[in-house]
N, C-alpha and C. Protein backbone atom coordinates (compact mmCIF):
# COMPACT_ATOMS: atom_id res chain seq x y z
N MET A 1 -25.18 38.82 35.49
CA MET A 1 -23.92 38.99 34.85
C MET A 1 -23.61 37.70 34.09
N VAL A 2 -23.15 37.83 32.85
CA VAL A 2 -22.78 36.69 32.02
C VAL A 2 -21.27 36.71 31.85
N LEU A 3 -20.66 35.60 32.17
CA LEU A 3 -19.22 35.50 32.02
C LEU A 3 -18.89 34.82 30.70
N ALA A 4 -18.00 35.41 29.98
CA ALA A 4 -17.55 34.81 28.73
C ALA A 4 -16.52 33.74 29.05
N PRO A 5 -16.53 32.66 28.30
CA PRO A 5 -15.53 31.62 28.54
C PRO A 5 -14.13 32.16 28.29
N VAL A 6 -13.23 31.71 29.10
CA VAL A 6 -11.84 32.11 28.94
C VAL A 6 -11.16 31.07 28.06
N THR A 7 -10.51 31.54 27.03
CA THR A 7 -9.77 30.63 26.15
C THR A 7 -8.31 31.02 26.19
N SER A 8 -7.51 30.03 26.10
CA SER A 8 -6.08 30.29 26.05
C SER A 8 -5.44 29.20 25.21
N ALA A 9 -4.36 29.57 24.58
CA ALA A 9 -3.63 28.58 23.79
C ALA A 9 -2.89 27.68 24.76
N ARG A 10 -2.94 26.40 24.50
CA ARG A 10 -2.22 25.44 25.33
C ARG A 10 -0.75 25.50 24.96
N VAL A 11 0.06 25.72 25.91
CA VAL A 11 1.50 25.76 25.69
C VAL A 11 2.03 24.34 25.82
N VAL A 12 2.64 23.86 24.76
CA VAL A 12 3.19 22.51 24.77
C VAL A 12 4.65 22.61 25.18
N PRO A 13 5.00 22.01 26.29
CA PRO A 13 6.39 22.06 26.73
C PRO A 13 7.30 21.35 25.72
N MET A 14 8.55 21.79 25.65
CA MET A 14 9.51 21.18 24.73
C MET A 14 10.90 21.62 25.12
N ARG A 15 11.84 20.72 25.00
CA ARG A 15 13.26 21.05 25.19
C ARG A 15 13.99 20.66 23.93
N ARG A 16 14.97 21.47 23.54
CA ARG A 16 15.77 21.19 22.36
C ARG A 16 17.24 21.23 22.75
N VAL A 17 17.98 20.24 22.28
CA VAL A 17 19.43 20.21 22.47
C VAL A 17 20.09 20.03 21.11
N GLU A 18 21.29 20.59 20.98
CA GLU A 18 22.01 20.54 19.71
C GLU A 18 23.49 20.34 19.94
N ALA A 19 24.16 19.78 18.94
CA ALA A 19 25.61 19.62 18.97
C ALA A 19 26.09 19.47 17.54
N SER A 20 27.35 19.80 17.30
CA SER A 20 27.93 19.60 15.97
C SER A 20 29.40 19.26 16.08
N LEU A 21 29.91 18.63 15.04
CA LEU A 21 31.30 18.21 15.03
C LEU A 21 31.71 17.94 13.58
N ALA A 22 32.96 18.28 13.24
CA ALA A 22 33.49 17.98 11.91
C ALA A 22 34.10 16.58 11.92
N ILE A 23 33.80 15.83 10.85
CA ILE A 23 34.33 14.48 10.69
C ILE A 23 35.08 14.43 9.37
N GLY A 24 36.26 13.83 9.37
CA GLY A 24 37.11 13.76 8.19
C GLY A 24 36.71 12.67 7.22
N ALA A 25 35.50 12.77 6.70
CA ALA A 25 35.00 11.82 5.69
C ALA A 25 33.88 12.53 4.92
N PRO A 26 33.63 12.14 3.68
CA PRO A 26 32.56 12.80 2.91
C PRO A 26 31.18 12.48 3.49
N PRO A 27 30.21 13.38 3.26
CA PRO A 27 28.87 13.18 3.79
C PRO A 27 28.26 11.82 3.43
N GLU A 28 28.51 11.33 2.24
CA GLU A 28 27.94 10.05 1.83
C GLU A 28 28.45 8.90 2.71
N ALA A 29 29.73 8.96 3.09
CA ALA A 29 30.29 7.91 3.96
C ALA A 29 29.73 8.01 5.37
N VAL A 30 29.60 9.23 5.88
CA VAL A 30 29.03 9.42 7.22
C VAL A 30 27.59 8.95 7.23
N PHE A 31 26.83 9.33 6.20
CA PHE A 31 25.42 8.95 6.12
C PHE A 31 25.28 7.43 6.04
N ALA A 32 26.09 6.79 5.23
CA ALA A 32 26.02 5.33 5.09
C ALA A 32 26.27 4.66 6.44
N PHE A 33 27.20 5.19 7.21
CA PHE A 33 27.51 4.61 8.52
C PHE A 33 26.36 4.80 9.51
N VAL A 34 25.83 6.01 9.61
CA VAL A 34 24.79 6.27 10.63
C VAL A 34 23.45 5.67 10.24
N SER A 35 23.19 5.46 8.97
CA SER A 35 21.91 4.89 8.57
C SER A 35 21.91 3.36 8.59
N ASP A 36 23.04 2.75 8.90
CA ASP A 36 23.15 1.29 9.05
C ASP A 36 22.90 0.97 10.52
N LEU A 37 21.76 0.34 10.82
CA LEU A 37 21.38 0.06 12.20
C LEU A 37 22.40 -0.79 12.95
N ASP A 38 23.14 -1.63 12.23
CA ASP A 38 24.15 -2.46 12.88
C ASP A 38 25.23 -1.60 13.54
N ASN A 39 25.43 -0.38 13.05
CA ASN A 39 26.45 0.50 13.60
C ASN A 39 25.97 1.32 14.80
N LEU A 40 24.67 1.34 15.04
CA LEU A 40 24.12 2.20 16.09
C LEU A 40 24.76 1.98 17.46
N PRO A 41 24.92 0.74 17.93
CA PRO A 41 25.55 0.54 19.24
C PRO A 41 27.02 1.00 19.27
N THR A 42 27.65 1.08 18.11
CA THR A 42 29.05 1.50 18.04
C THR A 42 29.22 2.97 18.42
N TRP A 43 28.26 3.79 18.02
CA TRP A 43 28.47 5.22 18.24
C TRP A 43 27.43 5.88 19.14
N GLN A 44 26.29 5.27 19.35
CA GLN A 44 25.25 5.87 20.21
C GLN A 44 25.36 5.34 21.63
N PRO A 45 25.72 6.20 22.58
CA PRO A 45 25.81 5.76 23.97
C PRO A 45 24.47 5.19 24.46
N GLY A 46 24.55 4.11 25.20
CA GLY A 46 23.35 3.52 25.79
C GLY A 46 22.61 2.56 24.89
N VAL A 47 22.90 2.55 23.59
CA VAL A 47 22.20 1.64 22.67
C VAL A 47 22.87 0.27 22.74
N ILE A 48 22.06 -0.73 23.03
CA ILE A 48 22.54 -2.11 23.12
C ILE A 48 22.36 -2.82 21.78
N SER A 49 21.18 -2.61 21.17
CA SER A 49 20.92 -3.23 19.86
C SER A 49 19.84 -2.45 19.13
N ALA A 50 19.81 -2.64 17.82
CA ALA A 50 18.78 -2.02 16.99
C ALA A 50 18.42 -3.01 15.88
N THR A 51 17.12 -3.21 15.68
CA THR A 51 16.64 -4.15 14.69
C THR A 51 15.59 -3.47 13.82
N GLN A 52 15.81 -3.47 12.52
CA GLN A 52 14.82 -2.91 11.60
C GLN A 52 13.59 -3.80 11.60
N THR A 53 12.40 -3.20 11.74
CA THR A 53 11.16 -3.98 11.82
C THR A 53 10.31 -3.87 10.56
N THR A 54 10.79 -3.14 9.57
CA THR A 54 10.15 -3.09 8.26
C THR A 54 11.16 -3.58 7.24
N SER A 55 10.69 -3.89 6.05
CA SER A 55 11.60 -4.43 5.04
C SER A 55 12.50 -3.34 4.45
N ASP A 56 13.62 -3.79 3.89
CA ASP A 56 14.56 -2.88 3.23
C ASP A 56 13.93 -2.33 1.96
N PRO A 57 14.40 -1.26 1.42
CA PRO A 57 15.50 -0.45 1.90
C PRO A 57 15.03 0.53 2.96
N ILE A 58 15.99 1.08 3.71
CA ILE A 58 15.66 2.06 4.72
C ILE A 58 15.28 3.38 4.04
N GLY A 59 14.30 4.05 4.60
CA GLY A 59 13.83 5.33 4.06
C GLY A 59 12.73 5.87 4.96
N VAL A 60 12.08 6.92 4.52
CA VAL A 60 10.98 7.51 5.29
C VAL A 60 9.93 6.43 5.54
N GLY A 61 9.52 6.29 6.79
CA GLY A 61 8.54 5.28 7.16
C GLY A 61 9.14 4.01 7.72
N THR A 62 10.44 3.80 7.52
CA THR A 62 11.10 2.63 8.08
C THR A 62 10.98 2.67 9.60
N THR A 63 10.75 1.52 10.20
CA THR A 63 10.68 1.44 11.65
C THR A 63 11.76 0.49 12.17
N ALA A 64 12.12 0.71 13.42
CA ALA A 64 13.12 -0.13 14.08
C ALA A 64 12.79 -0.22 15.55
N ARG A 65 13.26 -1.26 16.17
CA ARG A 65 13.14 -1.43 17.62
C ARG A 65 14.54 -1.33 18.20
N VAL A 66 14.69 -0.40 19.13
CA VAL A 66 15.99 -0.13 19.73
C VAL A 66 15.95 -0.50 21.20
N LEU A 67 16.92 -1.30 21.61
CA LEU A 67 17.07 -1.65 23.02
C LEU A 67 18.20 -0.78 23.56
N ARG A 68 17.89 -0.03 24.62
CA ARG A 68 18.89 0.87 25.18
C ARG A 68 18.88 0.81 26.70
N GLU A 69 19.96 1.24 27.26
CA GLU A 69 20.04 1.35 28.71
C GLU A 69 20.02 2.83 29.04
N LEU A 70 19.15 3.19 29.97
CA LEU A 70 18.99 4.58 30.37
C LEU A 70 18.84 4.64 31.87
N MET A 71 19.76 5.29 32.54
CA MET A 71 19.75 5.42 34.00
C MET A 71 19.61 4.06 34.69
N GLY A 72 20.38 3.08 34.17
CA GLY A 72 20.40 1.77 34.79
C GLY A 72 19.25 0.85 34.43
N GLN A 73 18.33 1.31 33.61
CA GLN A 73 17.17 0.51 33.20
C GLN A 73 17.26 0.21 31.70
N ARG A 74 16.83 -0.99 31.34
CA ARG A 74 16.73 -1.33 29.91
C ARG A 74 15.36 -0.91 29.41
N LEU A 75 15.36 -0.32 28.23
CA LEU A 75 14.15 0.25 27.66
C LEU A 75 14.11 -0.09 26.17
N THR A 76 12.97 -0.61 25.72
CA THR A 76 12.78 -0.89 24.30
C THR A 76 11.96 0.25 23.70
N VAL A 77 12.47 0.82 22.62
CA VAL A 77 11.84 1.98 22.00
C VAL A 77 11.62 1.69 20.52
N ASP A 78 10.42 1.95 20.04
CA ASP A 78 10.13 1.85 18.60
C ASP A 78 10.43 3.20 17.97
N VAL A 79 11.19 3.17 16.87
CA VAL A 79 11.66 4.37 16.20
C VAL A 79 11.15 4.37 14.77
N THR A 80 10.77 5.55 14.26
CA THR A 80 10.33 5.69 12.88
C THR A 80 11.19 6.73 12.17
N VAL A 81 11.65 6.41 10.97
CA VAL A 81 12.41 7.36 10.15
C VAL A 81 11.41 8.36 9.56
N THR A 82 11.65 9.65 9.83
CA THR A 82 10.74 10.70 9.34
C THR A 82 11.35 11.55 8.23
N ALA A 83 12.67 11.47 8.06
CA ALA A 83 13.34 12.15 6.95
C ALA A 83 14.54 11.30 6.54
N PHE A 84 14.73 11.17 5.25
CA PHE A 84 15.83 10.37 4.72
C PHE A 84 16.26 10.99 3.40
N ASP A 85 17.25 11.88 3.47
CA ASP A 85 17.77 12.55 2.29
C ASP A 85 19.22 12.11 2.15
N LEU A 86 19.44 11.14 1.29
CA LEU A 86 20.72 10.46 1.15
C LEU A 86 21.90 11.42 1.17
N GLY A 87 22.79 11.20 2.12
CA GLY A 87 23.99 12.01 2.24
C GLY A 87 23.79 13.37 2.88
N ARG A 88 22.54 13.70 3.26
CA ARG A 88 22.28 15.05 3.78
C ARG A 88 21.53 15.10 5.11
N ARG A 89 20.47 14.29 5.25
CA ARG A 89 19.63 14.41 6.46
C ARG A 89 18.99 13.08 6.81
N LEU A 90 19.00 12.78 8.11
CA LEU A 90 18.32 11.61 8.65
C LEU A 90 17.59 12.08 9.91
N ALA A 91 16.29 11.81 9.98
CA ALA A 91 15.51 12.21 11.16
C ALA A 91 14.68 11.03 11.63
N LEU A 92 14.50 10.95 12.96
CA LEU A 92 13.79 9.85 13.59
C LEU A 92 12.85 10.39 14.65
N GLU A 93 11.78 9.64 14.91
CA GLU A 93 10.87 9.97 16.01
C GLU A 93 10.60 8.71 16.82
N SER A 94 10.40 8.91 18.13
CA SER A 94 10.04 7.81 19.01
C SER A 94 9.29 8.36 20.21
N ALA A 95 8.71 7.46 20.98
CA ALA A 95 8.02 7.86 22.21
C ALA A 95 8.19 6.74 23.22
N ALA A 96 8.41 7.14 24.47
CA ALA A 96 8.54 6.17 25.56
C ALA A 96 8.38 6.89 26.89
N SER A 97 7.77 6.21 27.81
CA SER A 97 7.63 6.73 29.19
C SER A 97 7.04 8.13 29.25
N GLY A 98 6.10 8.43 28.36
CA GLY A 98 5.42 9.72 28.40
C GLY A 98 6.15 10.86 27.73
N LEU A 99 7.27 10.57 27.08
CA LEU A 99 8.01 11.59 26.35
C LEU A 99 8.12 11.19 24.89
N SER A 100 7.94 12.16 23.99
CA SER A 100 8.20 11.91 22.58
C SER A 100 9.49 12.63 22.21
N VAL A 101 10.24 11.99 21.32
CA VAL A 101 11.55 12.50 20.94
C VAL A 101 11.64 12.55 19.42
N ALA A 102 12.09 13.70 18.91
CA ALA A 102 12.36 13.86 17.49
C ALA A 102 13.84 14.23 17.37
N ALA A 103 14.60 13.41 16.67
CA ALA A 103 16.03 13.63 16.52
C ALA A 103 16.37 13.76 15.04
N ALA A 104 17.32 14.63 14.74
CA ALA A 104 17.73 14.83 13.35
C ALA A 104 19.24 14.97 13.28
N MET A 105 19.78 14.50 12.16
CA MET A 105 21.20 14.67 11.86
C MET A 105 21.28 15.28 10.47
N ASP A 106 21.95 16.43 10.40
CA ASP A 106 22.15 17.11 9.12
C ASP A 106 23.63 17.11 8.80
N LEU A 107 23.95 16.76 7.55
CA LEU A 107 25.33 16.64 7.11
C LEU A 107 25.61 17.71 6.05
N GLU A 108 26.72 18.41 6.24
CA GLU A 108 27.10 19.47 5.31
C GLU A 108 28.55 19.26 4.89
N PRO A 109 28.80 19.21 3.57
CA PRO A 109 30.19 19.04 3.14
C PRO A 109 31.02 20.27 3.51
N VAL A 110 32.23 20.01 3.99
CA VAL A 110 33.20 21.06 4.27
C VAL A 110 34.52 20.64 3.63
N THR A 111 35.49 21.52 3.63
CA THR A 111 36.75 21.28 2.93
C THR A 111 37.37 19.93 3.25
N ASP A 112 37.44 19.59 4.53
CA ASP A 112 38.13 18.36 4.93
C ASP A 112 37.19 17.22 5.31
N GLY A 113 35.92 17.29 4.92
CA GLY A 113 34.99 16.22 5.27
C GLY A 113 33.57 16.68 5.41
N THR A 114 33.01 16.48 6.60
CA THR A 114 31.58 16.73 6.83
C THR A 114 31.36 17.41 8.17
N ASN A 115 30.55 18.44 8.18
CA ASN A 115 30.08 19.00 9.44
C ASN A 115 28.78 18.27 9.78
N VAL A 116 28.76 17.62 10.94
CA VAL A 116 27.60 16.86 11.38
C VAL A 116 26.90 17.69 12.46
N ARG A 117 25.63 18.03 12.21
CA ARG A 117 24.83 18.76 13.19
C ARG A 117 23.70 17.85 13.65
N MET A 118 23.61 17.67 14.95
CA MET A 118 22.54 16.85 15.52
C MET A 118 21.66 17.73 16.38
N SER A 119 20.37 17.42 16.38
CA SER A 119 19.43 18.12 17.26
C SER A 119 18.39 17.11 17.74
N THR A 120 17.92 17.36 18.95
CA THR A 120 16.88 16.52 19.53
C THR A 120 15.86 17.41 20.22
N GLU A 121 14.59 17.16 19.94
CA GLU A 121 13.50 17.86 20.62
C GLU A 121 12.76 16.84 21.48
N ILE A 122 12.54 17.21 22.73
CA ILE A 122 11.88 16.32 23.69
C ILE A 122 10.59 17.00 24.14
N HIS A 123 9.48 16.30 23.93
CA HIS A 123 8.16 16.82 24.30
C HIS A 123 7.52 15.90 25.34
N SER A 124 7.01 16.47 26.40
CA SER A 124 6.24 15.65 27.34
C SER A 124 4.85 15.46 26.76
N GLN A 125 4.30 14.30 26.98
CA GLN A 125 2.98 14.00 26.43
C GLN A 125 1.86 14.44 27.37
N SER A 126 2.23 14.99 28.51
CA SER A 126 1.25 15.60 29.41
C SER A 126 1.96 16.65 30.25
N LEU A 127 1.21 17.60 30.76
CA LEU A 127 1.81 18.64 31.59
C LEU A 127 2.39 18.07 32.88
N PHE A 128 1.86 16.95 33.34
CA PHE A 128 2.39 16.33 34.55
C PHE A 128 3.80 15.79 34.35
N LEU A 129 4.14 15.46 33.11
CA LEU A 129 5.46 14.91 32.82
C LEU A 129 6.45 15.98 32.37
N ALA A 130 6.00 17.22 32.26
CA ALA A 130 6.86 18.31 31.80
C ALA A 130 8.16 18.43 32.59
N PRO A 131 8.16 18.22 33.91
CA PRO A 131 9.43 18.32 34.65
C PRO A 131 10.49 17.30 34.18
N LEU A 132 10.05 16.20 33.58
CA LEU A 132 11.01 15.20 33.09
C LEU A 132 11.78 15.68 31.87
N GLU A 133 11.22 16.67 31.17
CA GLU A 133 11.88 17.15 29.96
C GLU A 133 13.30 17.64 30.24
N GLY A 134 13.47 18.39 31.31
CA GLY A 134 14.79 18.92 31.63
C GLY A 134 15.80 17.82 31.90
N MET A 135 15.40 16.82 32.65
CA MET A 135 16.28 15.70 32.94
C MET A 135 16.61 14.95 31.65
N ALA A 136 15.59 14.70 30.83
CA ALA A 136 15.80 13.99 29.57
C ALA A 136 16.69 14.80 28.63
N ALA A 137 16.52 16.12 28.62
CA ALA A 137 17.34 16.98 27.77
C ALA A 137 18.80 16.94 28.21
N GLY A 138 19.03 16.93 29.52
CA GLY A 138 20.40 16.84 30.02
C GLY A 138 21.08 15.55 29.61
N ILE A 139 20.35 14.45 29.71
CA ILE A 139 20.89 13.15 29.29
C ILE A 139 21.12 13.15 27.79
N ALA A 140 20.15 13.68 27.03
CA ALA A 140 20.28 13.72 25.57
C ALA A 140 21.50 14.54 25.15
N GLN A 141 21.75 15.66 25.83
CA GLN A 141 22.92 16.49 25.48
C GLN A 141 24.22 15.73 25.73
N GLN A 142 24.32 15.07 26.86
CA GLN A 142 25.52 14.29 27.17
C GLN A 142 25.73 13.17 26.16
N GLU A 143 24.65 12.47 25.83
CA GLU A 143 24.76 11.36 24.88
C GLU A 143 25.07 11.87 23.47
N MET A 144 24.52 13.02 23.12
CA MET A 144 24.79 13.59 21.80
C MET A 144 26.26 13.98 21.68
N ASP A 145 26.78 14.67 22.67
CA ASP A 145 28.18 15.08 22.65
C ASP A 145 29.10 13.87 22.59
N SER A 146 28.85 12.89 23.44
CA SER A 146 29.65 11.67 23.47
C SER A 146 29.49 10.88 22.17
N GLY A 147 28.25 10.80 21.68
CA GLY A 147 27.97 10.06 20.45
C GLY A 147 28.70 10.63 19.24
N LEU A 148 28.76 11.94 19.15
CA LEU A 148 29.47 12.56 18.02
C LEU A 148 30.96 12.23 18.07
N LEU A 149 31.54 12.25 19.26
CA LEU A 149 32.96 11.90 19.39
C LEU A 149 33.19 10.43 19.03
N ARG A 150 32.28 9.56 19.46
CA ARG A 150 32.38 8.13 19.12
C ARG A 150 32.19 7.92 17.62
N LEU A 151 31.27 8.67 17.01
CA LEU A 151 31.03 8.57 15.57
C LEU A 151 32.30 8.98 14.81
N LYS A 152 32.90 10.08 15.22
CA LYS A 152 34.14 10.56 14.59
C LYS A 152 35.23 9.50 14.68
N ALA A 153 35.41 8.92 15.86
CA ALA A 153 36.42 7.90 16.06
C ALA A 153 36.15 6.66 15.21
N ALA A 154 34.90 6.25 15.13
CA ALA A 154 34.54 5.06 14.35
C ALA A 154 34.79 5.27 12.85
N ILE A 155 34.43 6.44 12.36
CA ILE A 155 34.56 6.70 10.92
C ILE A 155 36.01 7.00 10.54
N GLU A 156 36.69 7.79 11.38
CA GLU A 156 38.07 8.16 11.05
C GLU A 156 39.06 7.08 11.48
N GLY A 157 38.60 6.10 12.26
CA GLY A 157 39.49 5.03 12.70
C GLY A 157 40.49 5.48 13.75
N THR A 158 40.09 6.49 14.53
CA THR A 158 41.03 6.99 15.55
C THR A 158 40.65 6.50 16.93
């Protein structure tokens, strides 16, 4: 008897979280604020500092080193800009502790300002780390919700 090899598609685990909020400012103003690394600790929970590691101007391919606190630990993460559409979209990718993260912010003009939509996809880099995705997604959702409220307050001055 000859057995044929069994093939199967590898399922890559992934978690996605999303949030949105209206901000009373035009998309260009919101984009200018979020794309300035000096403002990152102001609105992103857990971020202590962010330093651009490539030369200006910021755009696709720009890299930065972000120091953040996560669950009581300080963590340095290298981040790469993967989308930069002035006034409309900013996307970043990073990897740390066996998880890769792709985050995006999409800005849409509305009557009284901007609708800001954020999304984050978390991928484990091995099946052994897949259980961490859920925990990371829960933290990402909390930080995203809080971050949008802090962003609104910072931009609107409230």
